[in-house]
C-alpha atoms as a PDB file:
ATOM      1  CA  MET A   1      89.055  66.152 220.591  1.00  0.00           C
ATOM      2  CA  ILE A   2      86.954  66.234 223.794  1.00  0.00           C
ATOM      3  CA  ASN A   3      88.942  68.054 226.509  1.00  0.00           C
ATOM      4  CA  VAL A   4      88.037  67.122 229.939  1.00  0.00           C
ATOM      5  CA  LEU A   5      88.927  68.536 233.347  1.00  0.00           C
ATOM      6  CA  LEU A   6      88.807  66.281 236.350  1.00  0.00           C
ATOM      7  CA  VAL A   7      87.748  67.772 239.740  1.00  0.00           C
ATOM      8  CA  ASP A   8      87.965  65.453 243.035  1.00  0.00           C
ATOM      9  CA  ASP A   9      89.776  65.675 246.060  1.00  0.00           C
ATOM     10  CA  HIS A  10      90.973  62.182 246.002  1.00  0.00           C
ATOM     11  CA  GLU A  11      94.013  61.831 243.528  1.00  0.00           C
ATOM     12  CA  LEU A  12      93.227  57.950 243.352  1.00  0.00           C
ATOM     13  CA  VAL A  13      89.988  58.659 241.833  1.00  0.00           C
ATOM     14  CA  ARG A  14      91.367  61.156 239.222  1.00  0.00           C
ATOM     15  CA  THR A  15      93.942  58.922 238.550  1.00  0.00           C
ATOM     16  CA  GLY A  16      91.725  56.029 237.859  1.00  0.00           C
ATOM     17  CA  ILE A  17      89.551  57.927 235.602  1.00  0.00           C
ATOM     18  CA  LYS A  18      92.532  59.625 233.833  1.00  0.00           C
ATOM     19  CA  ARG A  19      93.635  55.987 232.732  1.00  0.00           C
ATOM     20  CA  ILE A  20      89.927  55.333 231.431  1.00  0.00           C
ATOM     21  CA  LEU A  21      89.785  58.433 229.571  1.00  0.00           C
ATOM     22  CA  ASP A  22      93.436  58.014 228.258  1.00  0.00           C
ATOM     23  CA  ASP A  23      92.359  54.704 226.359  1.00  0.00           C
ATOM     24  CA  VAL A  24      89.532  56.438 224.743  1.00  0.00           C
ATOM     25  CA  ARG A  25      90.124  57.874 221.266  1.00  0.00           C
ATOM     26  CA  GLY A  26      88.954  61.347 220.781  1.00  0.00           C
ATOM     27  CA  PHE A  27      89.388  62.036 224.627  1.00  0.00           C
ATOM     28  CA  LYS A  28      92.056  64.261 226.403  1.00  0.00           C
ATOM     29  CA  VAL A  29      92.186  64.795 230.189  1.00  0.00           C
ATOM     30  CA  ILE A  30      93.785  68.690 229.923  1.00  0.00           C
ATOM     31  CA  GLY A  31      93.540  69.373 233.659  1.00  0.00           C
ATOM     32  CA  GLU A  32      93.058  68.207 237.358  1.00  0.00           C
ATOM     33  CA  ALA A  33      91.765  69.901 240.221  1.00  0.00           C
ATOM     34  CA  LYS A  34      91.239  68.879 243.925  1.00  0.00           C
ATOM     35  CA  THR A  35      88.848  71.776 245.214  1.00  0.00           C
ATOM     36  CA  GLY A  36      85.939  73.933 243.684  1.00  0.00           C
ATOM     37  CA  GLU A  37      88.078  76.882 243.588  1.00  0.00           C
ATOM     38  CA  GLU A  38      90.812  75.245 241.628  1.00  0.00           C
ATOM     39  CA  ALA A  39      88.122  73.961 239.276  1.00  0.00           C
ATOM     40  CA  VAL A  40      86.468  77.720 238.648  1.00  0.00           C
ATOM     41  CA  GLN A  41      89.999  79.223 238.195  1.00  0.00           C
ATOM     42  CA  PHE A  42      91.196  76.398 235.381  1.00  0.00           C
ATOM     43  CA  CYS A  43      87.847  76.745 233.630  1.00  0.00           C
ATOM     44  CA  ARG A  44      88.188  80.407 233.385  1.00  0.00           C
ATOM     45  CA  GLN A  45      91.691  80.235 232.000  1.00  0.00           C
ATOM     46  CA  HIS A  46      91.283  77.279 229.872  1.00  0.00           C
ATOM     47  CA  ALA A  47      87.779  76.269 228.972  1.00  0.00           C
ATOM     48  CA  PRO A  48      87.724  72.582 228.896  1.00  0.00           C
ATOM     49  CA  ASN A  49      84.753  70.973 226.946  1.00  0.00           C
ATOM     50  CA  ILE A  50      83.773  68.894 229.795  1.00  0.00           C
ATOM     51  CA  VAL A  51      84.182  68.984 233.503  1.00  0.00           C
ATOM     52  CA  LEU A  52      83.345  65.535 235.664  1.00  0.00           C
ATOM     53  CA  MET A  53      82.748  67.340 238.924  1.00  0.00           C
ATOM     54  CA  ASP A  54      82.695  65.690 242.601  1.00  0.00           C
ATOM     55  CA  MET A  55      80.143  67.016 244.843  1.00  0.00           C
ATOM     56  CA  ASN A  56      81.784  66.451 248.225  1.00  0.00           C
ATOM     57  CA  MET A  57      85.019  68.253 248.519  1.00  0.00           C
ATOM     58  CA  PRO A  58      87.139  70.697 250.848  1.00  0.00           C
ATOM     59  CA  GLY A  59      86.501  74.353 250.204  1.00  0.00           C
ATOM     60  CA  MET A  60      83.452  75.701 248.210  1.00  0.00           C
ATOM     61  CA  GLY A  61      82.722  72.074 247.303  1.00  0.00           C
ATOM     62  CA  GLY A  62      81.241  71.135 243.878  1.00  0.00           C
ATOM     63  CA  LEU A  63      77.727  72.658 244.216  1.00  0.00           C
ATOM     64  CA  GLU A  64      78.936  76.029 244.500  1.00  0.00           C
ATOM     65  CA  ALA A  65      81.754  75.434 241.808  1.00  0.00           C
ATOM     66  CA  THR A  66      79.062  74.043 239.211  1.00  0.00           C
ATOM     67  CA  LYS A  67      77.012  77.284 239.828  1.00  0.00           C
ATOM     68  CA  LYS A  68      79.900  79.406 239.212  1.00  0.00           C
ATOM     69  CA  ILE A  69      81.382  77.804 236.301  1.00  0.00           C
ATOM     70  CA  CYS A  70      77.561  77.645 234.920  1.00  0.00           C
ATOM     71  CA  ARG A  71      77.835  81.626 235.129  1.00  0.00           C
ATOM     72  CA  TYR A  72      81.436  82.302 234.241  1.00  0.00           C
ATOM     73  CA  CYS A  73      81.792  79.874 231.488  1.00  0.00           C
ATOM     74  CA  PRO A  74      78.625  78.812 230.148  1.00  0.00           C
ATOM     75  CA  ASP A  75      80.186  76.859 227.111  1.00  0.00           C
ATOM     76  CA  VAL A  76      81.896  74.296 229.764  1.00  0.00           C
ATOM     77  CA  LYS A  77      79.382  71.399 230.101  1.00  0.00           C
ATOM     78  CA  ILE A  78      79.475  69.730 233.879  1.00  0.00           C
ATOM     79  CA  ILE A  79      78.706  66.187 234.677  1.00  0.00           C
ATOM     80  CA  VAL A  80      78.533  65.732 238.454  1.00  0.00           C
ATOM     81  CA  LEU A  81      80.323  62.607 239.346  1.00  0.00           C
ATOM     82  CA  THR A  82      79.407  61.623 242.872  1.00  0.00           C
ATOM     83  CA  VAL A  83      78.502  59.352 245.724  1.00  0.00           C
ATOM     84  CA  ASN A  84      75.776  62.049 246.556  1.00  0.00           C
ATOM     85  CA  CYS A  85      73.062  60.045 244.377  1.00  0.00           C
ATOM     86  CA  GLU A  86      70.197  60.607 246.662  1.00  0.00           C
ATOM     87  CA  ASP A  87      67.832  63.464 245.639  1.00  0.00           C
ATOM     88  CA  PRO A  88      67.700  66.296 246.241  1.00  0.00           C
ATOM     89  CA  PHE A  89      71.474  66.482 244.831  1.00  0.00           C
ATOM     90  CA  PRO A  90      70.281  65.357 241.362  1.00  0.00           C
ATOM     91  CA  SER A  91      67.622  67.791 240.789  1.00  0.00           C
ATOM     92  CA  LYS A  92      69.494  70.567 242.453  1.00  0.00           C
ATOM     93  CA  VAL A  93      72.577  70.095 240.639  1.00  0.00           C
ATOM     94  CA  MET A  94      70.666  70.014 236.870  1.00  0.00           C
ATOM     95  CA  GLN A  95      68.504  72.986 238.184  1.00  0.00           C
ATOM     96  CA  ILE A  96      71.692  75.034 238.563  1.00  0.00           C
ATOM     97  CA  GLY A  97      72.739  73.838 235.132  1.00  0.00           C
ATOM     98  CA  ALA A  98      74.791  70.796 235.239  1.00  0.00           C
ATOM     99  CA  HIS A  99      74.235  68.863 231.718  1.00  0.00           C
ATOM    100  CA  GLY A 100      74.848  65.423 233.399  1.00  0.00           C
ATOM    101  CA  PHE A 101      74.532  63.452 236.348  1.00  0.00           C
ATOM    102  CA  LEU A 102      76.697  60.175 237.348  1.00  0.00           C
ATOM    103  CA  THR A 103      77.255  57.893 240.307  1.00  0.00           C
ATOM    104  CA  LYS A 104      80.644  56.752 241.170  1.00  0.00           C
ATOM    105  CA  GLY A 105      79.417  53.389 240.591  1.00  0.00           C
ATOM    106  CA  ALA A 106      78.921  53.882 237.026  1.00  0.00           C
ATOM    107  CA  GLY A 107      80.931  51.718 234.835  1.00  0.00           C
ATOM    108  CA  SER A 108      83.629  53.382 232.326  1.00  0.00           C
ATOM    109  CA  ASP A 109      81.529  52.726 229.370  1.00  0.00           C
ATOM    110  CA  GLU A 110      78.631  54.500 230.796  1.00  0.00           C
ATOM    111  CA  MET A 111      80.940  57.051 231.618  1.00  0.00           C
ATOM    112  CA  VAL A 112      82.176  57.682 228.314  1.00  0.00           C
ATOM    113  CA  ARG A 113      78.789  57.398 227.064  1.00  0.00           C
ATOM    114  CA  ALA A 114      77.756  60.483 229.172  1.00  0.00           C
ATOM    115  CA  ILE A 115      80.535  62.631 228.277  1.00  0.00           C
ATOM    116  CA  ARG A 116      79.833  62.105 224.529  1.00  0.00           C
ATOM    117  CA  CYS A 117      76.049  62.757 224.943  1.00  0.00           C
ATOM    118  CA  VAL A 118      76.527  65.815 226.869  1.00  0.00           C
ATOM    119  CA  HIS A 119      79.274  67.073 224.447  1.00  0.00           C
ATOM    120  CA  ALA A 120      76.645  66.627 221.822  1.00  0.00           C
ATOM    121  CA  GLY A 121      74.339  69.188 223.728  1.00  0.00           C
ATOM    122  CA  GLN A 122      72.178  66.468 225.281  1.00  0.00           C
ATOM    123  CA  ARG A 123      71.975  65.853 228.861  1.00  0.00           C
ATOM    124  CA  TYR A 124      72.295  62.644 230.641  1.00  0.00           C
ATOM    125  CA  ILE A 125      71.241  61.243 233.971  1.00  0.00           C
ATOM    126  CA  ALA A 126      72.106  57.757 235.305  1.00  0.00           C
ATOM    127  CA  PRO A 127      69.138  55.386 234.552  1.00  0.00           C
ATOM    128  CA  GLU A 128      68.264  54.645 238.489  1.00  0.00           C
ATOM    129  CA  ILE A 129      68.830  58.651 239.122  1.00  0.00           C
ATOM    130  CA  ALA A 130      66.292  59.232 236.364  1.00  0.00           C
ATOM    131  CA  GLN A 131      64.060  56.638 237.717  1.00  0.00           C
ATOM    132  CA  GLN A 132      64.350  57.987 241.360  1.00  0.00           C
ATOM    133  CA  ILE A 133      63.354  61.652 240.485  1.00  0.00           C
ATOM    134  CA  ALA A 134      60.731  60.242 238.080  1.00  0.00           C
ATOM    135  CA  LEU A 135      59.063  58.280 240.898  1.00  0.00           C
ATOM    136  CA  ALA A 136      59.304  61.152 243.279  1.00  0.00           C
ATOM    137  CA  GLN A 137      57.449  63.527 240.950  1.00  0.00           C
ATOM    138  CA  VAL A 138      54.714  60.996 240.051  1.00  0.00           C
ATOM    139  CA  THR A 139      54.085  59.532 243.724  1.00  0.00           C
ATOM    140  CA  GLY A 140      54.658  63.345 245.145  1.00  0.00           C
ATOM    141  CA  ARG A 141      56.553  61.311 248.024  1.00  0.00           C
ATOM    142  CA  THR A 142      59.165  64.114 248.974  1.00  0.00           C
ATOM    143  CA  ASP A 143      59.080  63.306 252.560  1.00  0.00           C
ATOM    144  CA  GLU A 144      60.896  60.306 252.899  1.00  0.00           C
ATOM    145  CA  ASN A 145      64.502  62.368 252.606  1.00  0.00           C
ATOM    146  CA  PRO A 146      64.437  65.177 255.045  1.00  0.00           C
ATOM    147  CA  PHE A 147      66.936  66.945 253.199  1.00  0.00           C
ATOM    148  CA  GLN A 148      64.326  67.743 250.386  1.00  0.00           C
ATOM    149  CA  SER A 149      63.314  70.826 252.507  1.00  0.00           C
ATOM    150  CA  LEU A 150      66.781  72.432 252.295  1.00  0.00           C
ATOM    151  CA  SER A 151      67.417  75.405 249.875  1.00  0.00           C
ATOM    152  CA  GLU A 152      69.985  75.074 247.480  1.00  0.00           C
ATOM    153  CA  ARG A 153      72.376  77.531 249.821  1.00  0.00           C
ATOM    154  CA  GLU A 154      71.517  75.307 252.913  1.00  0.00           C
ATOM    155  CA  LEU A 155      72.338  72.228 250.936  1.00  0.00           C
ATOM    156  CA  GLN A 156      75.757  73.823 250.124  1.00  0.00           C
ATOM    157  CA  ILE A 157      76.572  74.941 253.564  1.00  0.00           C
ATOM    158  CA  MET A 158      75.471  71.373 254.878  1.00  0.00           C
ATOM    159  CA  LEU A 159      78.171  69.601 252.884  1.00  0.00           C
ATOM    160  CA  MET A 160      80.590  72.188 254.085  1.00  0.00           C
ATOM    161  CA  ILE A 161      79.708  71.462 257.693  1.00  0.00           C
ATOM    162  CA  THR A 162      79.934  67.684 257.373  1.00  0.00           C
ATOM    163  CA  LYS A 163      83.226  68.067 255.923  1.00  0.00           C
ATOM    164  CA  GLY A 164      84.437  69.973 259.124  1.00  0.00           C
ATOM    165  CA  GLU A 165      84.300  73.783 257.945  1.00  0.00           C
ATOM    166  CA  LYS A 166      83.904  76.106 260.752  1.00  0.00           C
ATOM    167  CA  ALA A 167      81.546  78.808 260.161  1.00  0.00           C
ATOM    168  CA  GLN A 168      84.304  81.641 259.235  1.00  0.00           C
ATOM    169  CA  ASN A 169      85.832  79.469 256.661  1.00  0.00           C
ATOM    170  CA  ILE A 170      82.375  78.825 254.873  1.00  0.00           C
ATOM    171  CA  ALA A 171      81.792  82.594 255.160  1.00  0.00           C
ATOM    172  CA  GLU A 172      85.058  83.392 253.505  1.00  0.00           C
ATOM    173  CA  ARG A 173      84.731  80.839 250.926  1.00  0.00           C
ATOM    174  CA  LEU A 174      81.165  81.810 249.942  1.00  0.00           C
ATOM    175  CA  ASN A 175      81.628  85.446 250.427  1.00  0.00           C
ATOM    176  CA  LEU A 176      78.841  85.582 253.112  1.00  0.00           C
ATOM    177  CA  SER A 177      79.108  86.949 256.758  1.00  0.00           C
ATOM    178  CA  SER A 178      79.600  84.665 259.639  1.00  0.00           C
ATOM    179  CA  LYS A 179      76.330  85.902 260.790  1.00  0.00           C
ATOM    180  CA  THR A 180      74.769  84.712 257.630  1.00  0.00           C
ATOM    181  CA  VAL A 181      76.122  81.497 257.591  1.00  0.00           C
ATOM    182  CA  ASN A 182      75.244  80.874 261.342  1.00  0.00           C
ATOM    183  CA  SER A 183      71.653  82.054 260.203  1.00  0.00           C
ATOM    184  CA  TYR A 184      71.495  79.524 257.608  1.00  0.00           C
ATOM    185  CA  ARG A 185      72.753  76.796 259.922  1.00  0.00           C
ATOM    186  CA  TYR A 186      70.257  77.188 262.596  1.00  0.00           C
ATOM    187  CA  ARG A 187      67.596  77.289 259.869  1.00  0.00           C
ATOM    188  CA  MET A 188      68.822  74.070 258.449  1.00  0.00           C
ATOM    189  CA  PHE A 189      68.707  72.591 262.258  1.00  0.00           C
ATOM    190  CA  GLU A 190      65.133  73.792 262.624  1.00  0.00           C
ATOM    191  CA  LYS A 191      63.910  71.880 259.320  1.00  0.00           C
ATOM    192  CA  LEU A 192      66.029  68.749 259.916  1.00  0.00           C
ATOM    193  CA  ASN A 193      65.394  68.832 263.948  1.00  0.00           C
ATOM    194  CA  VAL A 194      69.033  68.279 264.726  1.00  0.00           C
ATOM    195  CA  GLY A 195      70.552  69.748 267.774  1.00  0.00           C
ATOM    196  CA  GLY A 196      74.115  70.337 266.456  1.00  0.00           C
ATOM    197  CA  ASP A 197      76.842  69.632 263.431  1.00  0.00           C
ATOM    198  CA  VAL A 198      77.573  66.056 264.908  1.00  0.00           C
ATOM    199  CA  GLU A 199      74.067  65.217 264.718  1.00  0.00           C
ATOM    200  CA  LEU A 200      73.641  66.631 261.215  1.00  0.00           C
ATOM    201  CA  THR A 201      76.650  64.498 259.891  1.00  0.00           C
ATOM    202  CA  HIS A 202      74.948  61.522 261.573  1.00  0.00           C
ATOM    203  CA  LEU A 203      71.833  62.228 259.646  1.00  0.00           C
ATOM    204  CA  ALA A 204      73.628  63.256 256.413  1.00  0.00           C
ATOM    205  CA  ILE A 205      75.396  59.776 256.517  1.00  0.00           C
ATOM    206  CA  ARG A 206      72.140  57.926 257.235  1.00  0.00           C
ATOM    207  CA  HIS A 207      70.123  59.353 253.972  1.00  0.00           C
ATOM    208  CA  LYS A 208      73.255  58.824 252.322  1.00  0.00           C
ATOM    209  CA  MET A 209      74.031  62.280 251.456  1.00  0.00           C
ATOM    210  CA  ILE A 210      77.600  62.205 252.039  1.00  0.00           C
ATOM    211  CA  ASP A 211      80.170  59.347 252.240  1.00  0.00           C
ATOM    212  CA  ILE A 212      82.411  58.279 255.026  1.00  0.00           C
ATOM    213  CA  ASP A 213      85.708  59.229 253.823  1.00  0.00           C
ATOM    214  CA  VAL A 214      88.341  56.730 255.507  1.00  0.00           C
ATOM    215  CA  SER A 215      91.243  57.669 253.079  1.00  0.00           C
ATOM    216  CA  HIS A 216      92.174  60.686 255.165  1.00  0.00           C
END
């Protein structure tokens, strides 16, 4: 039996995926989480085989949750399932220990195939994402997306800022000082040539780094 944890802040998304997996023999959804914090806690307590992880959530978010689960629960395998399909997201999450990367546009057959593949000890990257990464490496064209210049921590803080999190809250979530968070923030602004949080959010939307959430 492949035990799966679903991590997404949208209940409709979790419900839809659960219905798909409940119909597959040998699969069992043993838990759901709507924040990165809940996902880390669940994994430490129940050790699912597979985690389907969204990136853009309230709280610490999927990037930090993936990092913590890989550190604390090395036997748990993570497949990122997100709308954040533009590099550097795929490269970053695979570098920090994720075993798979799917877009939310993936069909149910591909999701099931990815889970089986990762559970068997292999890695799985959606074909269109793998092609995108390979082309960037072959051509050396890394300048098309300005977010390529961000570090893992800057990318993580960018996601939290665009979710409306304030520096103090981000600091508490990531166990950093507010001063350190603001240092990352202003370094990001400089790298991306933006003047503030609103401009940062518009740039992130333009480059498909975040989705526009109309459900809340």
